[in-house]
Amino acid sequence: MTDRAAGEFSAATREISDIGGADDAATAEFGAPVAVWARGEDRLLAFGVAHRVVSSGARRIREAADAWRALIAGARIDDPLRLPGTGLIALGAFAFADGSATPSTLVVPRRVVGRRDGVAFVTDIGGHGDPAAPAAPATAPGDRFARADYEAAVSAAVARIRNGGLEKVVLARDLALEVPPGFDVTGALRVLRRRYRDAWTFAVDGFFGASPETLATVHGNAVTARVLAGTAARDDDPVVDASARDALLASPKNRFEHALAVDSLLLTLGGMVDDLTLGRPFALGLPNVWHLATDATALLTDGRTALDLVDALHPTAAVAGAPRDAALALIEELEPFDRGRYAGPVGWIGATGDGEWAIGLRSAQIETPDRVRAYAGAGIVAGSVAKSELAETGWKFAPVLEALGLPLSAATGPRAGSDPVAVP
């Protein structure tokens, strides 16, 4: 982790009436936003960089949480609004894997222009730290997991699962996409916000997307999380679309995959919270897919923060598999690339310990001025069929392709049924 100590920080939040004017003023002073976090009408646009916390390795989230505690310990904060996202905050994105070459970062901005619960505000942050952006690892052009190779990896994973040792593994593939003329991430995020209003739209250090999956939110001592596992394609025909939704809800394969992810959440959170309550599984409709979803609520104990929960929960069974260690070992064996920040935690942390963190899905990393690399994965269980899992990853590329103005045919291929059960 970076060892340059941050100086004393201050933050002053005030309510404003003209959020558009505040955006323009911040852009004129600092340039384009360095980080974005938004869902529905709520949003945080971060401008300028006062400090970055950079970490890597197995303790990357824990080290970032400790560095954040040290940074806020002497901070002077004037926050009369006391809304989620006001006061001194940092926005961050963490690499998926312990051994990733991609650095994990928390960015403390110079200014935040935000809106929460209909209240618009500006936070100005003062202080001295290390604003340098970490160097991203170099990558070669081109996709790194050909379709035929991905199908072979899925089949190998199914065979491994049937032989025992693990119940589920999530395998991802990537698309190297040529950036269209005139591309800028701010415009791409506008497309995502319009199209996927119920998802978390985000951008941090060139990593951007629209994630439907809440890893953990903390407001006061109230904790919420959302588990997503099990997927079916949407259809323009309402009758066919409703049938796909109903088939997903009734699918033994998808319900088993979902149950593994819910069990993982229960086992991880059980010792950290009180009054843990699970809702009933439901079909969450996004513009491109249906997901099986379960919401959880709880009360946080012992002064823990949102980052402490993130450290405990990542990686979930929804993006790694179950059991966790066996699934991670198989991912390392079968996936021919470093996921970078894909499927890692992304969100923000406040000085009170509040925060909102999603899993970095439906996402892409800007690698060069001319290339973006998108990622998508599918949960593999004993009943998975390789062609169906490949098709599922195609559906999940849709948000990034739409944001770039590219045709969906680059990733989707033929649609498959929502219950890809293999015959032993």
Protein backbone atom coordinates (compact mmCIF):
# COMPACT_ATOMS: atom_id res chain seq x y z
CA MET A 1 0.00 0.00 0.00
CA THR A 2 1.14 3.55 -0.60
CA ASP A 3 3.15 4.75 2.40
CA ARG A 4 2.90 8.48 1.86
CA ALA A 5 0.94 9.88 4.76
CA ALA A 6 -2.07 12.05 4.09
CA GLY A 7 -2.24 15.46 5.71
CA GLU A 8 -5.15 16.67 7.80
CA PHE A 9 -8.36 16.80 5.83
CA SER A 10 -11.43 18.99 6.07
CA ALA A 11 -14.83 18.74 4.41
CA ALA A 12 -17.65 21.26 4.24
CA THR A 13 -21.06 20.36 2.82
CA ARG A 14 -23.74 22.87 1.87
CA GLU A 15 -27.15 22.57 0.25
CA ILE A 16 -27.54 24.09 -3.21
CA SER A 17 -30.43 24.90 -5.52
CA ASP A 18 -28.71 24.68 -8.93
CA ILE A 19 -27.05 21.29 -9.35
CA GLY A 20 -26.43 21.84 -13.05
CA GLY A 21 -24.60 25.07 -12.35
CA ALA A 22 -22.55 23.34 -9.65
CA ASP A 23 -21.60 20.60 -12.13
CA ASP A 24 -20.49 23.22 -14.65
CA ALA A 25 -18.46 25.13 -12.06
CA ALA A 26 -16.74 21.96 -10.84
CA THR A 27 -15.95 20.89 -14.41
CA ALA A 28 -14.49 24.31 -15.19
CA GLU A 29 -12.27 24.15 -12.10
CA PHE A 30 -11.27 20.48 -12.00
CA GLY A 31 -12.12 18.95 -15.39
CA ALA A 32 -14.34 15.91 -15.97
CA PRO A 33 -15.49 13.87 -12.95
CA VAL A 34 -12.87 11.44 -11.61
CA ALA A 35 -15.49 9.16 -10.06
CA VAL A 36 -19.26 8.67 -10.31
CA TRP A 37 -21.81 6.84 -8.18
CA ALA A 38 -25.51 7.03 -9.04
CA ARG A 39 -28.83 5.22 -8.89
CA GLY A 40 -32.19 6.66 -9.84
CA GLU A 41 -32.18 10.37 -9.00
CA ASP A 42 -29.46 9.99 -6.34
CA ARG A 43 -25.89 10.67 -7.45
CA LEU A 44 -22.37 11.58 -6.43
CA LEU A 45 -20.07 13.25 -8.97
CA ALA A 46 -16.51 13.54 -7.68
CA PHE A 47 -14.13 16.15 -9.11
CA GLY A 48 -10.39 16.51 -8.59
CA VAL A 49 -8.23 14.25 -6.43
CA ALA A 50 -7.04 15.21 -2.96
CA HIS A 51 -5.67 11.78 -2.09
CA ARG A 52 -5.60 8.15 -3.21
CA VAL A 53 -5.25 5.08 -1.04
CA VAL A 54 -3.68 2.33 -3.15
CA SER A 55 -3.55 -1.28 -1.98
CA SER A 56 -3.07 -4.78 -3.35
CA GLY A 57 -2.85 -8.39 -2.24
CA ALA A 58 -4.98 -10.43 0.12
CA ARG A 59 -5.30 -7.59 2.66
CA ARG A 60 -6.13 -4.87 0.12
CA ILE A 61 -9.61 -4.10 1.51
CA ARG A 62 -8.49 -4.32 5.13
CA GLU A 63 -5.52 -2.04 4.47
CA ALA A 64 -7.77 0.47 2.71
CA ALA A 65 -10.22 0.39 5.64
CA ASP A 66 -7.36 1.01 8.09
CA ALA A 67 -5.96 3.84 5.97
CA TRP A 68 -9.41 5.43 5.82
CA ARG A 69 -9.75 5.28 9.60
CA ALA A 70 -6.37 6.99 9.95
CA LEU A 71 -7.32 9.65 7.41
CA ILE A 72 -10.61 10.60 9.08
CA ALA A 73 -9.21 10.49 12.62
CA GLY A 74 -8.02 14.10 12.50
CA ALA A 75 -10.45 15.39 9.89
CA ARG A 76 -12.58 18.49 10.44
CA ILE A 77 -16.03 17.92 8.98
CA ASP A 78 -18.88 20.44 8.64
CA ASP A 79 -21.91 18.46 7.48
CA PRO A 80 -25.25 19.97 8.51
CA LEU A 81 -27.19 17.78 6.05
CA ARG A 82 -25.98 14.38 7.34
CA LEU A 83 -27.30 12.53 4.30
CA PRO A 84 -25.72 9.43 2.75
CA GLY A 85 -22.79 10.69 0.69
CA THR A 86 -22.38 14.09 2.38
CA GLY A 87 -19.36 15.06 4.44
CA LEU A 88 -15.91 13.55 3.87
CA ILE A 89 -16.10 10.54 1.55
CA ALA A 90 -13.91 8.39 -0.69
CA LEU A 91 -15.00 6.45 -3.76
CA GLY A 92 -13.25 3.21 -4.59
CA ALA A 93 -12.89 0.06 -6.63
CA PHE A 94 -11.09 -3.10 -5.58
CA ALA A 95 -9.55 -5.88 -7.65
CA PHE A 96 -11.38 -9.20 -7.64
CA ALA A 97 -8.45 -11.50 -6.90
CA ASP A 98 -5.80 -11.45 -4.18
CA GLY A 99 -3.10 -11.91 -6.79
CA SER A 100 -4.39 -9.37 -9.29
CA ALA A 101 -1.89 -7.07 -10.95
CA THR A 102 -4.56 -4.35 -11.03
CA PRO A 103 -4.27 -1.96 -8.08
CA SER A 104 -7.21 -1.24 -5.79
CA THR A 105 -7.96 2.39 -5.00
CA LEU A 106 -9.90 4.71 -2.75
CA VAL A 107 -10.16 8.22 -4.22
CA VAL A 108 -10.72 11.22 -1.94
CA PRO A 109 -12.03 13.96 -4.25
CA ARG A 110 -11.61 17.71 -4.03
CA ARG A 111 -15.30 18.35 -4.64
CA VAL A 112 -18.48 16.30 -4.68
CA VAL A 113 -21.65 17.51 -6.37
CA GLY A 114 -24.45 15.27 -5.22
CA ARG A 115 -28.14 14.71 -4.76
CA ARG A 116 -29.80 12.52 -2.17
CA ASP A 117 -33.50 12.14 -1.42
CA GLY A 118 -34.21 15.24 -3.51
CA VAL A 119 -31.62 17.42 -1.74
CA ALA A 120 -28.78 18.77 -3.88
CA PHE A 121 -25.45 19.57 -2.23
CA VAL A 122 -21.79 20.38 -2.73
CA THR A 123 -18.94 19.15 -0.53
CA ASP A 124 -15.54 20.83 -0.76
CA ILE A 125 -12.60 18.83 0.61
CA GLY A 126 -9.26 20.25 1.64
CA GLY A 127 -6.07 18.47 2.63
CA HIS A 128 -2.83 17.07 1.30
CA GLY A 129 -2.10 13.54 0.18
CA ASP A 130 -0.90 11.50 -2.77
CA PRO A 131 -3.12 12.23 -5.81
CA ALA A 132 -1.16 10.09 -8.27
CA ALA A 133 -3.14 7.48 -10.17
CA PRO A 134 -1.67 3.95 -9.95
CA ALA A 135 -0.26 2.47 -13.12
CA ALA A 136 -2.59 -0.08 -14.69
CA PRO A 137 -1.05 -3.30 -16.01
CA ALA A 138 -0.47 -3.41 -19.75
CA THR A 139 -2.73 -5.70 -21.77
CA ALA A 140 -2.63 -7.00 -25.32
CA PRO A 141 -5.49 -6.32 -27.75
CA GLY A 142 -8.08 -8.95 -28.53
CA ASP A 143 -10.40 -11.22 -26.57
CA ARG A 144 -8.56 -13.57 -24.23
CA PHE A 145 -11.21 -16.29 -23.94
CA ALA A 146 -12.50 -17.50 -27.31
CA ARG A 147 -16.08 -18.81 -27.33
CA ALA A 148 -15.04 -22.38 -28.03
CA ASP A 149 -12.47 -22.22 -25.23
CA TYR A 150 -15.06 -20.81 -22.84
CA GLU A 151 -17.46 -23.64 -23.63
CA ALA A 152 -14.67 -26.14 -23.03
CA ALA A 153 -13.90 -24.52 -19.67
CA VAL A 154 -17.58 -24.70 -18.67
CA SER A 155 -17.69 -28.39 -19.55
CA ALA A 156 -14.53 -28.99 -17.54
CA ALA A 157 -16.04 -27.15 -14.58
CA VAL A 158 -19.25 -29.20 -14.77
CA ALA A 159 -17.20 -32.41 -14.75
CA ARG A 160 -15.22 -31.18 -11.73
CA ILE A 161 -18.41 -30.29 -9.87
CA ARG A 162 -19.99 -33.67 -10.57
CA ASN A 163 -16.88 -35.37 -9.24
CA GLY A 164 -17.29 -33.54 -5.92
CA GLY A 165 -15.25 -30.91 -4.13
CA LEU A 166 -17.35 -27.90 -5.05
CA GLU A 167 -20.94 -27.04 -5.91
CA LYS A 168 -20.61 -23.92 -8.06
CA VAL A 169 -18.00 -21.85 -9.86
CA VAL A 170 -18.44 -18.59 -11.77
CA LEU A 171 -16.51 -18.40 -15.03
CA ALA A 172 -16.07 -15.07 -16.81
CA ARG A 173 -15.03 -14.11 -20.32
CA ASP A 174 -14.00 -10.79 -21.83
CA LEU A 175 -14.54 -8.68 -24.95
CA ALA A 176 -11.92 -6.24 -26.22
CA LEU A 177 -13.97 -3.44 -27.77
CA GLU A 178 -12.73 -0.72 -30.08
CA VAL A 179 -13.83 2.64 -28.71
CA PRO A 180 -16.11 4.47 -31.15
CA PRO A 181 -15.21 8.01 -32.29
CA GLY A 182 -16.16 10.65 -29.76
CA PHE A 183 -16.37 8.22 -26.84
CA ASP A 184 -16.12 9.60 -23.33
CA VAL A 185 -16.99 7.79 -20.15
CA THR A 186 -19.28 10.59 -18.96
CA GLY A 187 -21.50 10.11 -22.00
CA ALA A 188 -21.45 6.33 -21.54
CA LEU A 189 -22.58 6.74 -17.94
CA ARG A 190 -25.49 8.93 -19.05
CA VAL A 191 -26.67 6.11 -21.30
CA LEU A 192 -26.38 3.61 -18.45
CA ARG A 193 -28.26 5.86 -16.03
CA ARG A 194 -31.13 6.31 -18.46
CA ARG A 195 -31.32 2.65 -19.38
CA TYR A 196 -30.54 0.97 -16.03
CA ARG A 197 -32.02 3.33 -13.45
CA ASP A 198 -32.33 0.66 -10.75
CA ALA A 199 -28.68 -0.37 -11.08
CA TRP A 200 -25.67 1.27 -9.45
CA THR A 201 -23.99 3.34 -12.19
CA PHE A 202 -20.32 3.85 -11.36
CA ALA A 203 -16.91 4.95 -12.59
CA VAL A 204 -13.57 4.92 -10.75
CA ASP A 205 -10.15 5.20 -12.43
CA GLY A 206 -11.43 4.09 -15.85
CA PHE A 207 -13.53 1.21 -14.48
CA PHE A 208 -17.21 1.81 -15.24
CA GLY A 209 -20.52 0.05 -15.50
CA ALA A 210 -24.05 -0.40 -14.15
CA SER A 211 -24.25 -3.10 -11.48
CA PRO A 212 -27.58 -4.58 -10.38
CA GLU A 213 -26.07 -6.29 -7.31
CA THR A 214 -25.71 -4.58 -3.94
CA LEU A 215 -22.85 -6.08 -1.96
CA ALA A 216 -23.56 -4.10 1.22
CA THR A 217 -24.94 -0.72 2.24
CA VAL A 218 -24.64 0.81 5.71
CA HIS A 219 -26.69 3.79 6.86
CA GLY A 220 -26.27 4.29 10.59
CA ASN A 221 -26.37 0.72 11.84
CA ALA A 222 -28.82 -0.47 9.18
CA VAL A 223 -27.37 -2.96 6.69
CA THR A 224 -28.91 -4.02 3.37
CA ALA A 225 -27.66 -6.45 0.75
CA ARG A 226 -29.05 -8.00 -2.41
CA VAL A 227 -28.08 -11.43 -3.74
CA LEU A 228 -28.39 -12.08 -7.47
CA ALA A 229 -27.82 -15.53 -8.95
CA GLY A 230 -29.80 -17.23 -11.70
CA THR A 231 -30.44 -15.51 -15.03
CA ALA A 232 -32.81 -15.59 -18.00
CA ALA A 233 -32.97 -13.42 -21.10
CA ARG A 234 -35.70 -10.78 -21.56
CA ASP A 235 -37.87 -10.78 -24.67
CA ASP A 236 -39.67 -7.98 -26.52
CA ASP A 237 -42.84 -10.09 -26.66
CA PRO A 238 -44.62 -9.61 -23.28
CA VAL A 239 -46.03 -13.14 -23.32
CA VAL A 240 -42.65 -14.74 -24.06
CA ASP A 241 -41.00 -12.43 -21.51
CA ALA A 242 -43.44 -13.41 -18.76
CA SER A 243 -42.91 -17.07 -19.61
CA ALA A 244 -39.12 -16.61 -19.28
CA ARG A 245 -39.61 -14.98 -15.88
CA ASP A 246 -41.89 -17.75 -14.65
CA ALA A 247 -39.52 -20.44 -15.95
CA LEU A 248 -36.64 -18.79 -14.08
CA LEU A 249 -38.61 -18.75 -10.83
CA ALA A 250 -39.45 -22.43 -11.26
CA SER A 251 -36.04 -23.55 -12.53
CA PRO A 252 -34.37 -26.14 -10.25
CA LYS A 253 -30.95 -25.34 -11.69
CA ASN A 254 -31.25 -21.58 -11.17
CA ARG A 255 -32.90 -21.87 -7.74
CA PHE A 256 -30.08 -24.15 -6.57
CA GLU A 257 -27.49 -21.68 -7.85
CA HIS A 258 -29.34 -18.87 -6.08
CA ALA A 259 -29.61 -20.80 -2.81
CA LEU A 260 -25.84 -21.28 -2.74
CA ALA A 261 -25.34 -17.51 -3.00
CA VAL A 262 -27.89 -16.82 -0.25
CA ASP A 263 -26.26 -19.40 2.03
CA SER A 264 -22.89 -17.73 1.44
CA LEU A 265 -24.32 -14.39 2.58
CA LEU A 266 -25.83 -15.94 5.70
CA LEU A 267 -22.61 -17.69 6.70
CA THR A 268 -20.53 -14.55 6.19
CA LEU A 269 -22.81 -11.98 7.83
CA GLY A 270 -24.11 -14.16 10.64
CA GLY A 271 -21.39 -13.28 13.16
CA MET A 272 -21.17 -9.58 12.24
CA VAL A 273 -24.76 -8.39 12.53
CA ASP A 274 -27.96 -8.72 14.54
CA ASP A 275 -31.55 -9.21 13.37
CA LEU A 276 -30.58 -10.63 9.98
CA THR A 277 -33.73 -11.01 7.88
CA LEU A 278 -34.09 -12.52 4.42
CA GLY A 279 -36.85 -11.72 1.97
CA ARG A 280 -38.35 -14.24 -0.41
CA PRO A 281 -36.62 -14.83 -3.74
CA PHE A 282 -38.14 -12.81 -6.57
CA ALA A 283 -37.54 -12.14 -10.26
CA LEU A 284 -35.73 -8.84 -10.74
CA GLY A 285 -36.40 -7.45 -14.21
CA LEU A 286 -33.62 -5.45 -15.85
CA PRO A 287 -33.85 -4.18 -19.43
CA ASN A 288 -31.74 -7.07 -20.74
CA VAL A 289 -32.20 -9.98 -18.28
CA TRP A 290 -34.25 -11.45 -15.45
CA HIS A 291 -32.36 -12.32 -12.27
CA LEU A 292 -33.37 -14.34 -9.25
CA ALA A 293 -32.92 -11.93 -6.34
CA THR A 294 -33.11 -12.01 -2.55
CA ASP A 295 -32.89 -8.94 -0.31
CA ALA A 296 -31.42 -9.04 3.19
CA THR A 297 -31.53 -6.55 6.07
CA ALA A 298 -29.64 -6.51 9.36
CA LEU A 299 -28.22 -4.29 12.12
CA LEU A 300 -24.48 -3.69 12.28
CA THR A 301 -22.66 -4.36 15.55
CA ASP A 302 -19.38 -3.48 17.29
CA GLY A 303 -18.58 -0.24 15.42
CA ARG A 304 -17.93 -1.94 12.10
CA THR A 305 -18.02 0.09 8.89
CA ALA A 306 -19.24 -0.54 5.37
CA LEU A 307 -15.69 -1.44 4.32
CA ASP A 308 -15.45 -3.99 7.11
CA LEU A 309 -18.52 -5.73 5.66
CA VAL A 310 -17.08 -5.52 2.17
CA ASP A 311 -13.87 -7.15 3.38
CA ALA A 312 -15.82 -10.03 4.94
CA LEU A 313 -18.27 -10.56 2.07
CA HIS A 314 -15.95 -10.43 -0.93
CA PRO A 315 -15.93 -12.54 -3.00
CA THR A 316 -19.50 -13.80 -2.74
CA ALA A 317 -20.74 -17.09 -4.14
CA ALA A 318 -22.57 -15.06 -6.79
CA VAL A 319 -19.27 -14.07 -8.43
CA ALA A 320 -16.86 -16.78 -7.26
CA GLY A 321 -18.74 -19.96 -6.34
CA ALA A 322 -19.05 -22.35 -3.42
CA PRO A 323 -17.17 -23.36 -1.41
CA ARG A 324 -15.21 -20.14 -1.84
CA ASP A 325 -11.64 -21.46 -1.73
CA ALA A 326 -12.31 -24.35 -4.10
CA ALA A 327 -14.13 -22.06 -6.53
CA LEU A 328 -11.33 -19.48 -6.52
CA ALA A 329 -8.77 -22.21 -7.21
CA LEU A 330 -10.79 -23.43 -10.19
CA ILE A 331 -11.20 -19.88 -11.53
CA GLU A 332 -7.43 -19.47 -11.33
CA GLU A 333 -7.02 -22.72 -13.24
CA LEU A 334 -9.63 -22.21 -15.97
CA GLU A 335 -9.81 -18.46 -16.65
CA PRO A 336 -6.92 -17.33 -18.88
CA PHE A 337 -6.81 -13.74 -17.60
CA ASP A 338 -6.71 -11.46 -14.58
CA ARG A 339 -10.23 -10.13 -13.94
CA GLY A 340 -8.87 -6.82 -12.70
CA ARG A 341 -11.67 -4.94 -10.94
CA TYR A 342 -14.43 -6.92 -12.65
CA ALA A 343 -16.65 -8.56 -9.96
CA GLY A 344 -14.74 -6.72 -7.24
CA PRO A 345 -16.32 -4.26 -4.80
CA VAL A 346 -17.06 -0.72 -6.03
CA GLY A 347 -18.70 2.11 -4.11
CA TRP A 348 -18.08 4.77 -1.47
CA ILE A 349 -17.23 5.07 2.23
CA GLY A 350 -18.02 8.01 4.52
CA ALA A 351 -16.39 9.36 7.67
CA THR A 352 -19.15 7.87 9.85
CA GLY A 353 -18.58 4.37 8.44
CA ASP A 354 -21.65 4.59 6.22
CA GLY A 355 -21.29 3.55 2.62
CA GLU A 356 -22.79 1.88 -0.42
CA TRP A 357 -20.96 -0.92 -2.20
CA ALA A 358 -21.95 -2.95 -5.22
CA ILE A 359 -20.27 -5.80 -7.06
CA GLY A 360 -18.53 -4.50 -10.18
CA LEU A 361 -20.69 -6.30 -12.75
CA ARG A 362 -21.94 -5.23 -16.21
CA SER A 363 -18.66 -3.41 -16.35
CA ALA A 364 -15.61 -2.56 -18.40
CA GLN A 365 -12.13 -1.10 -17.98
CA ILE A 366 -10.73 1.60 -20.24
CA GLU A 367 -7.35 0.14 -21.22
CA THR A 368 -6.17 2.61 -23.86
CA PRO A 369 -7.71 5.69 -25.53
CA ASP A 370 -8.87 3.32 -28.27
CA ARG A 371 -9.88 0.18 -26.34
CA VAL A 372 -12.29 -0.85 -23.62
CA ARG A 373 -12.36 -4.37 -22.16
CA ALA A 374 -15.75 -5.63 -20.97
CA TYR A 375 -16.39 -8.66 -18.75
CA ALA A 376 -19.31 -10.99 -18.06
CA GLY A 377 -19.66 -14.28 -16.21
CA ALA A 378 -22.04 -17.15 -15.56
CA GLY A 379 -22.56 -19.42 -12.58
CA ILE A 380 -21.71 -23.02 -13.35
CA VAL A 381 -23.36 -25.87 -11.40
CA ALA A 382 -23.76 -29.60 -12.05
CA GLY A 383 -26.73 -29.01 -14.37
CA SER A 384 -25.08 -26.38 -16.58
CA VAL A 385 -24.77 -26.69 -20.36
CA ALA A 386 -21.83 -24.93 -21.99
CA LYS A 387 -23.70 -23.30 -24.89
CA SER A 388 -26.38 -21.92 -22.57
CA GLU A 389 -23.81 -20.46 -20.19
CA LEU A 390 -21.98 -18.85 -23.11
CA ALA A 391 -25.28 -17.30 -24.25
CA GLU A 392 -25.88 -15.98 -20.72
CA THR A 393 -22.57 -14.12 -20.73
CA GLY A 394 -23.62 -12.58 -24.03
CA TRP A 395 -26.80 -11.13 -22.53
CA LYS A 396 -24.75 -9.64 -19.70
CA PHE A 397 -22.48 -7.70 -22.07
CA ALA A 398 -25.50 -5.68 -23.21
CA PRO A 399 -25.13 -2.68 -20.84
CA VAL A 400 -21.52 -1.94 -21.82
CA LEU A 401 -22.24 -2.43 -25.52
CA GLU A 402 -25.23 -0.08 -25.28
CA ALA A 403 -23.14 2.49 -23.43
CA LEU A 404 -20.58 2.40 -26.24
CA GLY A 405 -23.22 2.50 -28.96
CA LEU A 406 -22.14 -0.91 -30.30
CA PRO A 407 -24.43 -3.68 -31.62
CA LEU A 408 -25.41 -6.44 -29.23
CA SER A 409 -24.64 -9.06 -31.86
CA ALA A 410 -20.96 -8.77 -30.92
CA ALA A 411 -21.63 -10.76 -27.76
CA THR A 412 -25.04 -12.35 -27.61
CA GLY A 413 -25.21 -15.15 -30.15
CA PRO A 414 -28.42 -17.20 -30.20
CA ARG A 415 -30.65 -17.07 -27.16
CA ALA A 416 -31.02 -20.19 -25.09
CA GLY A 417 -33.70 -21.37 -22.71
CA SER A 418 -33.73 -20.11 -19.15
CA ASP A 419 -33.22 -23.54 -17.61
CA PRO A 420 -30.11 -25.09 -19.20
CA VAL A 421 -30.19 -28.49 -17.50
CA ALA A 422 -27.87 -31.14 -18.83
CA VAL A 423 -28.79 -34.78 -19.19
CA PRO A 424 -26.23 -36.85 -17.24
